[in-house]
Amino acid sequence: MVRRSCLDERPTPVVVATSVIINLNATGCAHAILQALPSRCVVVEQVSLELQVDRRTGRRNAKALGMLLDQQLVELAELGGAGRSHFVNLVSGSAAQTLDDGEAATIACAIERQAVALIDERKAIRICAERFPNLTVGCTVDVFAQRQVQTAPGPRLADAVFNALDRGRMRVPDQYGRWVVDLIGQERAALCRSLPKRFRARPPRNTM
């Protein structure tokens, strides 16, 4: 099954949220994936800070990000005036309409730079659809589904995606569920708790 990625349209810079860095690090081959990705990858300072204080993963993701920055596969960015204004609006207000600092800064930076925002949380995606309809929003799976990443030599993409699901607890939007299952196989899909249940279910055996 072929799946188009929002990153196939043109090599626009992508601004990635904290969850994307965690998922890429979980693959065990983030370096190879980002080398194959034609888009420039940007991380805002707020995401870097979130990784440093993440209790679930310790500091290993912050260290991994540091290596990607050193290798110039990722660019660290600060928000400008317009970005800071969007950031303040996204972290202020009722709980239903506000985001954490990393997601808010990622979205604000993408708007400011006319880039693609890669975020995985449903709430952030909903807020973008409601408030920034012209912003292109993708998720971690869009990185894996990008055509040059799919065809790049090196580590097997199926193993990388399974690791992101198993170790990183990567969230998979409904429209990508079947593509992911076809890629990693139904047996491994059944082990991935972050996949929606209907995609994890094994088909009934034919007893005829």
N, C-alpha and C. Protein backbone atom coordinates (compact mmCIF):
# COMPACT_ATOMS: atom_id res chain seq x y z
N MET A 1 0.85 -1.20 0.00
CA MET A 1 0.00 0.00 0.00
C MET A 1 0.88 1.25 0.00
N VAL A 2 0.68 2.13 -0.96
CA VAL A 2 1.45 3.37 -1.06
C VAL A 2 0.73 4.46 -0.26
N ARG A 3 1.49 5.20 0.52
CA ARG A 3 0.91 6.27 1.32
C ARG A 3 1.66 7.56 1.03
N ARG A 4 0.94 8.61 0.65
CA ARG A 4 1.57 9.90 0.40
C ARG A 4 1.77 10.63 1.72
N SER A 5 2.87 11.35 1.78
CA SER A 5 3.20 12.15 2.94
C SER A 5 3.00 13.62 2.61
N CYS A 6 2.63 14.42 3.61
CA CYS A 6 2.53 15.87 3.38
C CYS A 6 3.90 16.47 3.09
N LEU A 7 4.96 15.72 3.33
CA LEU A 7 6.31 16.21 3.06
C LEU A 7 6.77 15.90 1.65
N ASP A 8 5.91 15.26 0.85
CA ASP A 8 6.24 14.97 -0.54
C ASP A 8 5.98 16.15 -1.47
N GLU A 9 5.22 17.13 -1.02
CA GLU A 9 4.80 18.20 -1.91
C GLU A 9 5.97 19.05 -2.38
N ARG A 10 6.79 19.49 -1.45
CA ARG A 10 7.95 20.31 -1.79
C ARG A 10 8.88 20.31 -0.57
N PRO A 11 10.17 20.57 -0.75
CA PRO A 11 11.12 20.51 0.37
C PRO A 11 11.02 21.71 1.31
N THR A 12 9.84 21.90 1.88
CA THR A 12 9.62 22.98 2.85
C THR A 12 10.23 22.59 4.20
N PRO A 13 10.82 23.53 4.92
CA PRO A 13 11.33 23.19 6.25
C PRO A 13 10.22 22.62 7.14
N VAL A 14 10.60 21.73 8.04
CA VAL A 14 9.64 21.17 8.98
C VAL A 14 10.08 21.50 10.39
N VAL A 15 9.12 21.92 11.21
CA VAL A 15 9.39 22.21 12.61
C VAL A 15 8.78 21.08 13.43
N VAL A 16 9.59 20.41 14.23
CA VAL A 16 9.15 19.17 14.87
C VAL A 16 8.93 19.36 16.37
N ALA A 17 7.87 18.74 16.87
CA ALA A 17 7.53 18.80 18.29
C ALA A 17 8.34 17.76 19.07
N THR A 18 8.21 17.82 20.38
CA THR A 18 8.95 16.92 21.26
C THR A 18 8.70 15.46 20.94
N SER A 19 7.44 15.11 20.70
CA SER A 19 7.10 13.71 20.44
C SER A 19 7.80 13.18 19.19
N VAL A 20 8.01 14.04 18.20
CA VAL A 20 8.66 13.61 16.96
C VAL A 20 10.11 13.24 17.22
N ILE A 21 10.80 14.04 18.02
CA ILE A 21 12.19 13.73 18.37
C ILE A 21 12.25 12.42 19.16
N ILE A 22 11.34 12.22 20.09
CA ILE A 22 11.31 10.98 20.87
C ILE A 22 11.08 9.78 19.96
N ASN A 23 10.14 9.91 19.02
CA ASN A 23 9.84 8.80 18.11
C ASN A 23 11.02 8.49 17.19
N LEU A 24 11.64 9.53 16.64
CA LEU A 24 12.79 9.32 15.77
C LEU A 24 13.95 8.69 16.53
N ASN A 25 14.18 9.13 17.75
CA ASN A 25 15.25 8.55 18.55
C ASN A 25 14.96 7.07 18.84
N ALA A 26 13.68 6.75 19.05
CA ALA A 26 13.30 5.37 19.35
C ALA A 26 13.58 4.42 18.18
N THR A 27 13.64 4.95 16.96
CA THR A 27 13.88 4.08 15.80
C THR A 27 15.25 3.43 15.85
N GLY A 28 16.20 4.08 16.48
CA GLY A 28 17.57 3.60 16.47
C GLY A 28 18.35 4.01 15.23
N CYS A 29 17.69 4.72 14.33
CA CYS A 29 18.37 5.13 13.08
C CYS A 29 17.93 6.53 12.66
N ALA A 30 17.77 7.43 13.63
CA ALA A 30 17.32 8.78 13.32
C ALA A 30 18.27 9.47 12.35
N HIS A 31 19.56 9.22 12.50
CA HIS A 31 20.56 9.86 11.62
C HIS A 31 20.27 9.52 10.16
N ALA A 32 20.07 8.24 9.86
CA ALA A 32 19.83 7.82 8.48
C ALA A 32 18.52 8.37 7.94
N ILE A 33 17.51 8.42 8.78
CA ILE A 33 16.20 8.92 8.34
C ILE A 33 16.28 10.40 8.00
N LEU A 34 16.92 11.17 8.86
CA LEU A 34 17.00 12.61 8.61
C LEU A 34 17.94 12.93 7.45
N GLN A 35 18.93 12.09 7.23
CA GLN A 35 19.78 12.29 6.05
C GLN A 35 18.98 12.10 4.76
N ALA A 36 18.04 11.17 4.78
CA ALA A 36 17.23 10.91 3.59
C ALA A 36 16.13 11.94 3.39
N LEU A 37 15.70 12.57 4.47
CA LEU A 37 14.60 13.53 4.39
C LEU A 37 15.07 14.79 3.66
N PRO A 38 14.39 15.20 2.58
CA PRO A 38 14.86 16.37 1.83
C PRO A 38 14.56 17.70 2.51
N SER A 39 13.65 17.71 3.45
CA SER A 39 13.29 18.94 4.14
C SER A 39 14.24 19.24 5.28
N ARG A 40 14.55 20.51 5.48
CA ARG A 40 15.35 20.91 6.64
C ARG A 40 14.52 20.76 7.90
N CYS A 41 15.11 20.17 8.92
CA CYS A 41 14.39 19.87 10.17
C CYS A 41 14.78 20.90 11.23
N VAL A 42 13.77 21.52 11.84
CA VAL A 42 13.97 22.60 12.81
C VAL A 42 13.35 22.21 14.15
N VAL A 43 14.06 22.52 15.23
CA VAL A 43 13.56 22.30 16.59
C VAL A 43 13.66 23.61 17.34
N VAL A 44 12.60 23.96 18.03
CA VAL A 44 12.62 25.20 18.82
C VAL A 44 13.22 24.94 20.20
N GLU A 45 13.70 26.00 20.83
CA GLU A 45 14.35 25.88 22.13
C GLU A 45 13.45 25.22 23.17
N GLN A 46 12.16 25.53 23.11
CA GLN A 46 11.24 24.98 24.10
C GLN A 46 11.17 23.46 24.03
N VAL A 47 11.31 22.89 22.84
CA VAL A 47 11.33 21.43 22.71
C VAL A 47 12.59 20.87 23.32
N SER A 48 13.71 21.50 23.08
CA SER A 48 14.97 21.06 23.66
C SER A 48 14.88 21.05 25.19
N LEU A 49 14.27 22.08 25.76
CA LEU A 49 14.12 22.15 27.21
C LEU A 49 13.18 21.06 27.73
N GLU A 50 12.10 20.78 27.00
CA GLU A 50 11.19 19.71 27.41
C GLU A 50 11.90 18.36 27.46
N LEU A 51 12.75 18.10 26.50
CA LEU A 51 13.47 16.84 26.48
C LEU A 51 14.42 16.71 27.67
N GLN A 52 14.99 17.82 28.10
CA GLN A 52 15.94 17.78 29.21
C GLN A 52 15.27 17.46 30.53
N VAL A 53 13.99 17.78 30.68
CA VAL A 53 13.29 17.55 31.95
C VAL A 53 12.29 16.41 31.87
N ASP A 54 12.28 15.66 30.75
CA ASP A 54 11.34 14.57 30.57
C ASP A 54 11.70 13.42 31.50
N ARG A 55 10.85 13.17 32.51
CA ARG A 55 11.14 12.12 33.49
C ARG A 55 11.01 10.72 32.90
N ARG A 56 10.11 10.54 31.93
CA ARG A 56 9.86 9.20 31.39
C ARG A 56 11.07 8.67 30.64
N THR A 57 11.73 9.51 29.90
CA THR A 57 12.85 9.06 29.07
C THR A 57 14.20 9.50 29.62
N GLY A 58 14.19 10.16 30.81
CA GLY A 58 15.46 10.66 31.32
C GLY A 58 16.01 11.71 30.39
N ARG A 59 17.30 11.71 30.20
CA ARG A 59 17.93 12.71 29.34
C ARG A 59 18.47 12.11 28.04
N ARG A 60 18.12 10.85 27.76
CA ARG A 60 18.71 10.24 26.58
C ARG A 60 18.23 10.91 25.29
N ASN A 61 16.98 11.40 25.28
CA ASN A 61 16.49 12.06 24.08
C ASN A 61 17.14 13.43 23.90
N ALA A 62 17.41 14.11 24.99
CA ALA A 62 18.12 15.38 24.90
C ALA A 62 19.52 15.16 24.35
N LYS A 63 20.16 14.08 24.81
CA LYS A 63 21.50 13.75 24.31
C LYS A 63 21.45 13.41 22.82
N ALA A 64 20.42 12.64 22.43
CA ALA A 64 20.28 12.28 21.02
C ALA A 64 20.04 13.51 20.16
N LEU A 65 19.22 14.44 20.66
CA LEU A 65 19.00 15.68 19.93
C LEU A 65 20.30 16.46 19.79
N GLY A 66 21.08 16.49 20.86
CA GLY A 66 22.35 17.19 20.80
C GLY A 66 23.26 16.64 19.72
N MET A 67 23.24 15.32 19.54
CA MET A 67 24.07 14.71 18.49
C MET A 67 23.56 15.09 17.11
N LEU A 68 22.24 15.13 16.94
CA LEU A 68 21.68 15.53 15.64
C LEU A 68 21.99 16.99 15.33
N LEU A 69 22.00 17.82 16.37
CA LEU A 69 22.37 19.23 16.17
C LEU A 69 23.84 19.33 15.78
N ASP A 70 24.70 18.57 16.45
CA ASP A 70 26.13 18.59 16.14
C ASP A 70 26.39 18.13 14.70
N GLN A 71 25.58 17.16 14.24
CA GLN A 71 25.74 16.63 12.89
C GLN A 71 25.04 17.50 11.84
N GLN A 72 24.43 18.59 12.30
CA GLN A 72 23.73 19.55 11.42
C GLN A 72 22.58 18.90 10.65
N LEU A 73 21.99 17.88 11.25
CA LEU A 73 20.79 17.27 10.68
C LEU A 73 19.53 17.95 11.21
N VAL A 74 19.69 18.71 12.28
CA VAL A 74 18.60 19.47 12.88
C VAL A 74 19.13 20.86 13.21
N GLU A 75 18.27 21.84 13.03
CA GLU A 75 18.62 23.24 13.33
C GLU A 75 17.85 23.70 14.56
N LEU A 76 18.53 24.32 15.52
CA LEU A 76 17.87 24.87 16.70
C LEU A 76 17.43 26.30 16.40
N ALA A 77 16.17 26.61 16.69
CA ALA A 77 15.60 27.92 16.33
C ALA A 77 15.05 28.65 17.54
N GLU A 78 15.09 29.96 17.46
CA GLU A 78 14.43 30.83 18.43
C GLU A 78 13.23 31.49 17.75
N LEU A 79 12.21 31.79 18.53
CA LEU A 79 11.05 32.48 17.99
C LEU A 79 11.35 33.96 17.81
N GLY A 80 10.92 34.49 16.68
CA GLY A 80 10.99 35.93 16.45
C GLY A 80 9.76 36.62 17.03
N GLY A 81 9.58 37.88 16.68
CA GLY A 81 8.47 38.65 17.24
C GLY A 81 7.11 38.06 16.92
N ALA A 82 6.88 37.73 15.65
CA ALA A 82 5.59 37.14 15.26
C ALA A 82 5.39 35.79 15.91
N GLY A 83 6.46 35.00 15.97
CA GLY A 83 6.36 33.69 16.60
C GLY A 83 6.04 33.78 18.07
N ARG A 84 6.67 34.73 18.77
CA ARG A 84 6.39 34.89 20.20
C ARG A 84 4.94 35.29 20.44
N SER A 85 4.40 36.11 19.56
CA SER A 85 2.99 36.51 19.69
C SER A 85 2.06 35.31 19.57
N HIS A 86 2.31 34.46 18.56
CA HIS A 86 1.51 33.24 18.42
C HIS A 86 1.71 32.32 19.61
N PHE A 87 2.94 32.23 20.09
CA PHE A 87 3.23 31.36 21.24
C PHE A 87 2.42 31.78 22.46
N VAL A 88 2.42 33.06 22.75
CA VAL A 88 1.68 33.56 23.92
C VAL A 88 0.20 33.24 23.79
N ASN A 89 -0.35 33.41 22.60
CA ASN A 89 -1.77 33.12 22.39
C ASN A 89 -2.09 31.64 22.57
N LEU A 90 -1.12 30.79 22.23
CA LEU A 90 -1.36 29.35 22.32
C LEU A 90 -1.19 28.78 23.72
N VAL A 91 -0.52 29.50 24.59
CA VAL A 91 -0.34 29.01 25.97
C VAL A 91 -1.21 29.77 26.96
N SER A 92 -2.02 30.70 26.46
CA SER A 92 -2.87 31.51 27.34
C SER A 92 -4.33 31.18 27.08
N GLY A 93 -5.12 31.10 28.15
CA GLY A 93 -6.55 30.86 28.01
C GLY A 93 -6.99 29.60 28.73
N SER A 94 -8.14 29.09 28.34
CA SER A 94 -8.70 27.90 28.98
C SER A 94 -7.89 26.67 28.63
N ALA A 95 -7.98 25.65 29.48
CA ALA A 95 -7.20 24.43 29.27
C ALA A 95 -7.54 23.78 27.93
N ALA A 96 -8.80 23.88 27.52
CA ALA A 96 -9.23 23.24 26.27
C ALA A 96 -8.63 23.91 25.05
N GLN A 97 -8.17 25.14 25.19
CA GLN A 97 -7.68 25.90 24.05
C GLN A 97 -6.21 26.28 24.17
N THR A 98 -5.48 25.66 25.08
CA THR A 98 -4.07 25.97 25.24
C THR A 98 -3.22 24.71 25.13
N LEU A 99 -1.95 24.91 24.81
CA LEU A 99 -1.03 23.81 24.61
C LEU A 99 0.18 23.96 25.52
N ASP A 100 0.95 22.88 25.64
CA ASP A 100 2.19 23.00 26.40
C ASP A 100 3.21 23.79 25.59
N ASP A 101 4.29 24.17 26.25
CA ASP A 101 5.24 25.09 25.62
C ASP A 101 5.85 24.53 24.34
N GLY A 102 6.20 23.24 24.35
CA GLY A 102 6.85 22.66 23.17
C GLY A 102 5.96 22.66 21.95
N GLU A 103 4.72 22.21 22.12
CA GLU A 103 3.80 22.19 20.98
C GLU A 103 3.47 23.60 20.52
N ALA A 104 3.22 24.51 21.48
CA ALA A 104 2.89 25.89 21.12
C ALA A 104 4.03 26.55 20.36
N ALA A 105 5.25 26.34 20.82
CA ALA A 105 6.40 26.95 20.15
C ALA A 105 6.63 26.33 18.78
N THR A 106 6.39 25.03 18.65
CA THR A 106 6.54 24.37 17.35
C THR A 106 5.58 24.96 16.33
N ILE A 107 4.33 25.11 16.73
CA ILE A 107 3.32 25.68 15.83
C ILE A 107 3.65 27.13 15.50
N ALA A 108 4.02 27.90 16.52
CA ALA A 108 4.34 29.31 16.31
C ALA A 108 5.51 29.49 15.36
N CYS A 109 6.53 28.64 15.51
CA CYS A 109 7.70 28.72 14.64
C CYS A 109 7.33 28.35 13.20
N ALA A 110 6.49 27.32 13.04
CA ALA A 110 6.08 26.90 11.70
C ALA A 110 5.30 28.01 11.00
N ILE A 111 4.44 28.68 11.74
CA ILE A 111 3.69 29.80 11.15
C ILE A 111 4.65 30.91 10.73
N GLU A 112 5.56 31.24 11.63
CA GLU A 112 6.50 32.34 11.38
C GLU A 112 7.40 32.05 10.18
N ARG A 113 7.81 30.79 10.02
CA ARG A 113 8.74 30.43 8.95
C ARG A 113 8.05 29.89 7.71
N GLN A 114 6.72 29.86 7.72
CA GLN A 114 5.95 29.28 6.62
C GLN A 114 6.43 27.85 6.35
N ALA A 115 6.56 27.12 7.43
CA ALA A 115 7.05 25.74 7.38
C ALA A 115 5.90 24.78 7.70
N VAL A 116 6.22 23.50 7.69
CA VAL A 116 5.27 22.46 8.10
C VAL A 116 5.47 22.17 9.58
N ALA A 117 4.38 22.10 10.32
CA ALA A 117 4.45 21.73 11.74
C ALA A 117 4.22 20.24 11.87
N LEU A 118 5.15 19.52 12.49
CA LEU A 118 4.98 18.09 12.74
C LEU A 118 4.66 17.89 14.22
N ILE A 119 3.42 17.54 14.50
CA ILE A 119 2.94 17.34 15.86
C ILE A 119 2.09 16.07 15.88
N ASP A 120 2.03 15.43 17.04
CA ASP A 120 1.33 14.15 17.14
C ASP A 120 0.08 14.18 18.01
N GLU A 121 -0.05 15.15 18.87
CA GLU A 121 -1.16 15.17 19.82
C GLU A 121 -2.45 15.64 19.17
N ARG A 122 -3.54 14.93 19.46
CA ARG A 122 -4.84 15.26 18.84
C ARG A 122 -5.28 16.69 19.16
N LYS A 123 -5.08 17.11 20.40
CA LYS A 123 -5.52 18.45 20.79
C LYS A 123 -4.80 19.52 19.98
N ALA A 124 -3.50 19.37 19.82
CA ALA A 124 -2.72 20.34 19.04
C ALA A 124 -3.17 20.35 17.58
N ILE A 125 -3.43 19.18 17.03
CA ILE A 125 -3.89 19.09 15.64
C ILE A 125 -5.25 19.76 15.50
N ARG A 126 -6.13 19.54 16.47
CA ARG A 126 -7.46 20.17 16.42
C ARG A 126 -7.34 21.69 16.48
N ILE A 127 -6.53 22.20 17.38
CA ILE A 127 -6.39 23.64 17.53
C ILE A 127 -5.82 24.26 16.25
N CYS A 128 -4.87 23.58 15.64
CA CYS A 128 -4.33 24.09 14.37
C CYS A 128 -5.41 24.16 13.30
N ALA A 129 -6.24 23.11 13.21
CA ALA A 129 -7.31 23.10 12.20
C ALA A 129 -8.30 24.23 12.43
N GLU A 130 -8.58 24.53 13.70
CA GLU A 130 -9.55 25.56 14.03
C GLU A 130 -8.99 26.97 13.86
N ARG A 131 -7.73 27.17 14.24
CA ARG A 131 -7.19 28.52 14.31
C ARG A 131 -6.21 28.87 13.19
N PHE A 132 -5.60 27.85 12.60
CA PHE A 132 -4.61 28.11 11.55
C PHE A 132 -4.87 27.19 10.36
N PRO A 133 -5.99 27.38 9.67
CA PRO A 133 -6.35 26.45 8.59
C PRO A 133 -5.37 26.44 7.42
N ASN A 134 -4.58 27.47 7.27
CA ASN A 134 -3.61 27.52 6.15
C ASN A 134 -2.27 26.89 6.50
N LEU A 135 -2.10 26.49 7.76
CA LEU A 135 -0.85 25.86 8.18
C LEU A 135 -0.87 24.37 7.82
N THR A 136 0.18 23.90 7.15
CA THR A 136 0.30 22.48 6.87
C THR A 136 0.78 21.76 8.12
N VAL A 137 0.00 20.78 8.57
CA VAL A 137 0.30 20.04 9.79
C VAL A 137 0.48 18.57 9.44
N GLY A 138 1.57 17.99 9.90
CA GLY A 138 1.81 16.57 9.73
C GLY A 138 2.15 15.95 11.07
N CYS A 139 2.63 14.71 11.02
CA CYS A 139 2.98 13.98 12.24
C CYS A 139 4.23 13.16 11.99
N THR A 140 4.68 12.43 12.98
CA THR A 140 5.89 11.63 12.82
C THR A 140 5.78 10.67 11.65
N VAL A 141 4.60 10.05 11.46
CA VAL A 141 4.46 9.06 10.40
C VAL A 141 4.71 9.69 9.04
N ASP A 142 4.44 10.98 8.88
CA ASP A 142 4.72 11.64 7.62
C ASP A 142 6.21 11.60 7.27
N VAL A 143 7.06 11.58 8.28
CA VAL A 143 8.51 11.46 8.02
C VAL A 143 8.80 10.09 7.41
N PHE A 144 8.27 9.04 8.03
CA PHE A 144 8.51 7.68 7.53
C PHE A 144 7.90 7.45 6.14
N ALA A 145 6.76 8.09 5.89
CA ALA A 145 6.05 7.89 4.62
C ALA A 145 6.59 8.76 3.49
N GLN A 146 7.48 9.69 3.80
CA GLN A 146 8.06 10.54 2.76
C GLN A 146 8.80 9.65 1.75
N ARG A 147 8.59 9.90 0.48
CA ARG A 147 9.02 8.94 -0.54
C ARG A 147 10.52 8.70 -0.55
N GLN A 148 11.34 9.72 -0.26
CA GLN A 148 12.78 9.51 -0.28
C GLN A 148 13.24 8.74 0.96
N VAL A 149 12.53 8.90 2.06
CA VAL A 149 12.83 8.11 3.26
C VAL A 149 12.46 6.65 3.01
N GLN A 150 11.32 6.43 2.35
CA GLN A 150 10.88 5.06 2.08
C GLN A 150 11.86 4.30 1.21
N THR A 151 12.53 4.99 0.32
CA THR A 151 13.42 4.31 -0.64
C THR A 151 14.89 4.42 -0.27
N ALA A 152 15.21 5.03 0.86
CA ALA A 152 16.61 5.23 1.24
C ALA A 152 17.26 3.91 1.62
N PRO A 153 18.53 3.73 1.26
CA PRO A 153 19.24 2.52 1.69
C PRO A 153 19.55 2.62 3.18
N GLY A 154 19.87 1.49 3.77
CA GLY A 154 20.22 1.49 5.18
C GLY A 154 19.24 0.67 6.00
N PRO A 155 18.98 1.07 7.24
CA PRO A 155 18.12 0.29 8.12
C PRO A 155 16.73 0.09 7.51
N ARG A 156 16.12 -1.07 7.77
CA ARG A 156 14.80 -1.37 7.24
C ARG A 156 13.77 -0.43 7.85
N LEU A 157 12.95 0.18 6.97
CA LEU A 157 11.95 1.12 7.43
C LEU A 157 10.95 0.44 8.35
N ALA A 158 10.57 -0.80 8.04
CA ALA A 158 9.60 -1.51 8.87
C ALA A 158 10.10 -1.64 10.31
N ASP A 159 11.38 -1.94 10.47
CA ASP A 159 11.94 -2.07 11.82
C ASP A 159 11.97 -0.72 12.52
N ALA A 160 12.30 0.34 11.78
CA ALA A 160 12.34 1.68 12.37
C ALA A 160 10.97 2.09 12.86
N VAL A 161 9.93 1.85 12.06
CA VAL A 161 8.57 2.22 12.45
C VAL A 161 8.11 1.38 13.64
N PHE A 162 8.42 0.09 13.63
CA PHE A 162 8.05 -0.75 14.78
C PHE A 162 8.72 -0.25 16.05
N ASN A 163 9.99 0.11 15.98
CA ASN A 163 10.69 0.62 17.16
C ASN A 163 10.07 1.92 17.66
N ALA A 164 9.66 2.79 16.72
CA ALA A 164 9.00 4.04 17.13
C ALA A 164 7.70 3.77 17.86
N LEU A 165 6.98 2.75 17.42
CA LEU A 165 5.73 2.36 18.07
C LEU A 165 5.99 1.70 19.41
N ASP A 166 6.92 0.77 19.44
CA ASP A 166 7.17 -0.05 20.62
C ASP A 166 7.91 0.72 21.71
N ARG A 167 8.94 1.44 21.32
CA ARG A 167 9.77 2.15 22.30
C ARG A 167 9.32 3.59 22.53
N GLY A 168 8.89 4.24 21.45
CA GLY A 168 8.52 5.65 21.56
C GLY A 168 7.05 5.88 21.80
N ARG A 169 6.24 4.81 21.70
CA ARG A 169 4.77 4.93 21.86
C ARG A 169 4.20 5.94 20.85
N MET A 170 4.70 5.85 19.63
CA MET A 170 4.28 6.79 18.59
C MET A 170 2.77 6.70 18.33
N ARG A 171 2.13 7.83 18.26
CA ARG A 171 0.71 7.88 17.92
C ARG A 171 0.57 7.82 16.40
N VAL A 172 -0.44 7.06 15.94
CA VAL A 172 -0.68 6.90 14.51
C VAL A 172 -2.08 7.39 14.18
N PRO A 173 -2.21 8.45 13.38
CA PRO A 173 -3.54 8.91 12.96
C PRO A 173 -4.27 7.82 12.17
N ASP A 174 -5.59 7.87 12.20
CA ASP A 174 -6.39 6.85 11.53
C ASP A 174 -6.00 6.65 10.07
N GLN A 175 -5.75 7.76 9.36
CA GLN A 175 -5.49 7.64 7.93
C GLN A 175 -4.18 6.92 7.62
N TYR A 176 -3.32 6.75 8.63
CA TYR A 176 -2.06 6.04 8.44
C TYR A 176 -2.07 4.63 9.01
N GLY A 177 -3.15 4.25 9.69
CA GLY A 177 -3.17 2.98 10.39
C GLY A 177 -2.91 1.79 9.49
N ARG A 178 -3.62 1.69 8.38
CA ARG A 178 -3.46 0.53 7.49
C ARG A 178 -2.07 0.51 6.85
N TRP A 179 -1.54 1.68 6.49
CA TRP A 179 -0.20 1.74 5.91
C TRP A 179 0.83 1.20 6.89
N VAL A 180 0.71 1.60 8.16
CA VAL A 180 1.65 1.14 9.18
C VAL A 180 1.55 -0.37 9.38
N VAL A 181 0.33 -0.89 9.46
CA VAL A 181 0.15 -2.34 9.65
C VAL A 181 0.71 -3.12 8.47
N ASP A 182 0.43 -2.64 7.26
CA ASP A 182 0.96 -3.32 6.07
C ASP A 182 2.49 -3.30 6.07
N LEU A 183 3.07 -2.23 6.59
CA LEU A 183 4.53 -2.09 6.60
C LEU A 183 5.18 -3.02 7.62
N ILE A 184 4.68 -3.04 8.86
CA ILE A 184 5.34 -3.80 9.93
C ILE A 184 4.80 -5.21 10.09
N GLY A 185 3.62 -5.47 9.52
CA GLY A 185 3.02 -6.79 9.64
C GLY A 185 2.04 -6.86 10.79
N GLN A 186 1.00 -7.68 10.62
CA GLN A 186 -0.06 -7.76 11.62
C GLN A 186 0.43 -8.32 12.96
N GLU A 187 1.38 -9.26 12.92
CA GLU A 187 1.87 -9.85 14.17
C GLU A 187 2.54 -8.80 15.05
N ARG A 188 3.37 -7.98 14.46
CA ARG A 188 4.03 -6.94 15.25
C ARG A 188 3.06 -5.82 15.59
N ALA A 189 2.12 -5.53 14.70
CA ALA A 189 1.13 -4.49 15.00
C ALA A 189 0.34 -4.83 16.26
N ALA A 190 0.05 -6.12 16.46
CA ALA A 190 -0.72 -6.54 17.63
C ALA A 190 -0.01 -6.23 18.94
N LEU A 191 1.30 -6.02 18.89
CA LEU A 191 2.08 -5.74 20.09
C LEU A 191 2.17 -4.25 20.42
N CYS A 192 1.70 -3.40 19.53
CA CYS A 192 1.91 -1.95 19.64
C CYS A 192 0.71 -1.26 20.27
N ARG A 193 0.81 -0.94 21.53
CA ARG A 193 -0.31 -0.36 22.27
C ARG A 193 -0.70 1.03 21.79
N SER A 194 0.21 1.73 21.15
CA SER A 194 -0.13 3.08 20.70
C SER A 194 -0.93 3.08 19.40
N LEU A 195 -1.01 1.94 18.74
CA LEU A 195 -1.89 1.82 17.56
C LEU A 195 -3.34 1.72 18.01
N PRO A 196 -4.27 2.34 17.28
CA PRO A 196 -5.69 2.13 17.61
C PRO A 196 -6.02 0.64 17.63
N LYS A 197 -6.90 0.25 18.53
CA LYS A 197 -7.19 -1.17 18.77
C LYS A 197 -7.61 -1.89 17.49
N ARG A 198 -8.39 -1.22 16.64
CA ARG A 198 -8.89 -1.90 15.44
C ARG A 198 -7.77 -2.27 14.48
N PHE A 199 -6.64 -1.56 14.56
CA PHE A 199 -5.51 -1.90 13.71
C PHE A 199 -4.63 -2.98 14.35
N ARG A 200 -4.74 -3.14 15.67
CA ARG A 200 -3.96 -4.17 16.34
C ARG A 200 -4.61 -5.54 16.26
N ALA A 201 -5.91 -5.57 16.05
CA ALA A 201 -6.64 -6.84 16.10
C ALA A 201 -6.20 -7.77 14.98
N ARG A 202 -5.89 -8.99 15.34
CA ARG A 202 -5.57 -10.00 14.32
C ARG A 202 -6.85 -10.47 13.65
N PRO A 203 -6.81 -10.67 12.33
CA PRO A 203 -8.01 -11.18 11.65
C PRO A 203 -8.31 -12.59 12.12
N PRO A 204 -9.61 -12.98 12.16
CA PRO A 204 -9.95 -14.33 12.60
C PRO A 204 -9.37 -15.37 11.65
N ARG A 205 -8.96 -16.50 12.23
CA ARG A 205 -8.38 -17.58 11.43
C ARG A 205 -9.50 -18.29 10.64
N ASN A 206 -9.15 -18.67 9.43
CA ASN A 206 -10.08 -19.43 8.61
C ASN A 206 -9.97 -20.89 8.97
N THR A 207 -11.01 -21.45 9.53
CA THR A 207 -10.99 -22.84 9.97
C THR A 207 -11.49 -23.81 8.93
N MET A 208 -11.87 -23.25 7.76
CA MET A 208 -12.39 -24.13 6.70
C MET A 208 -11.25 -24.95 6.09
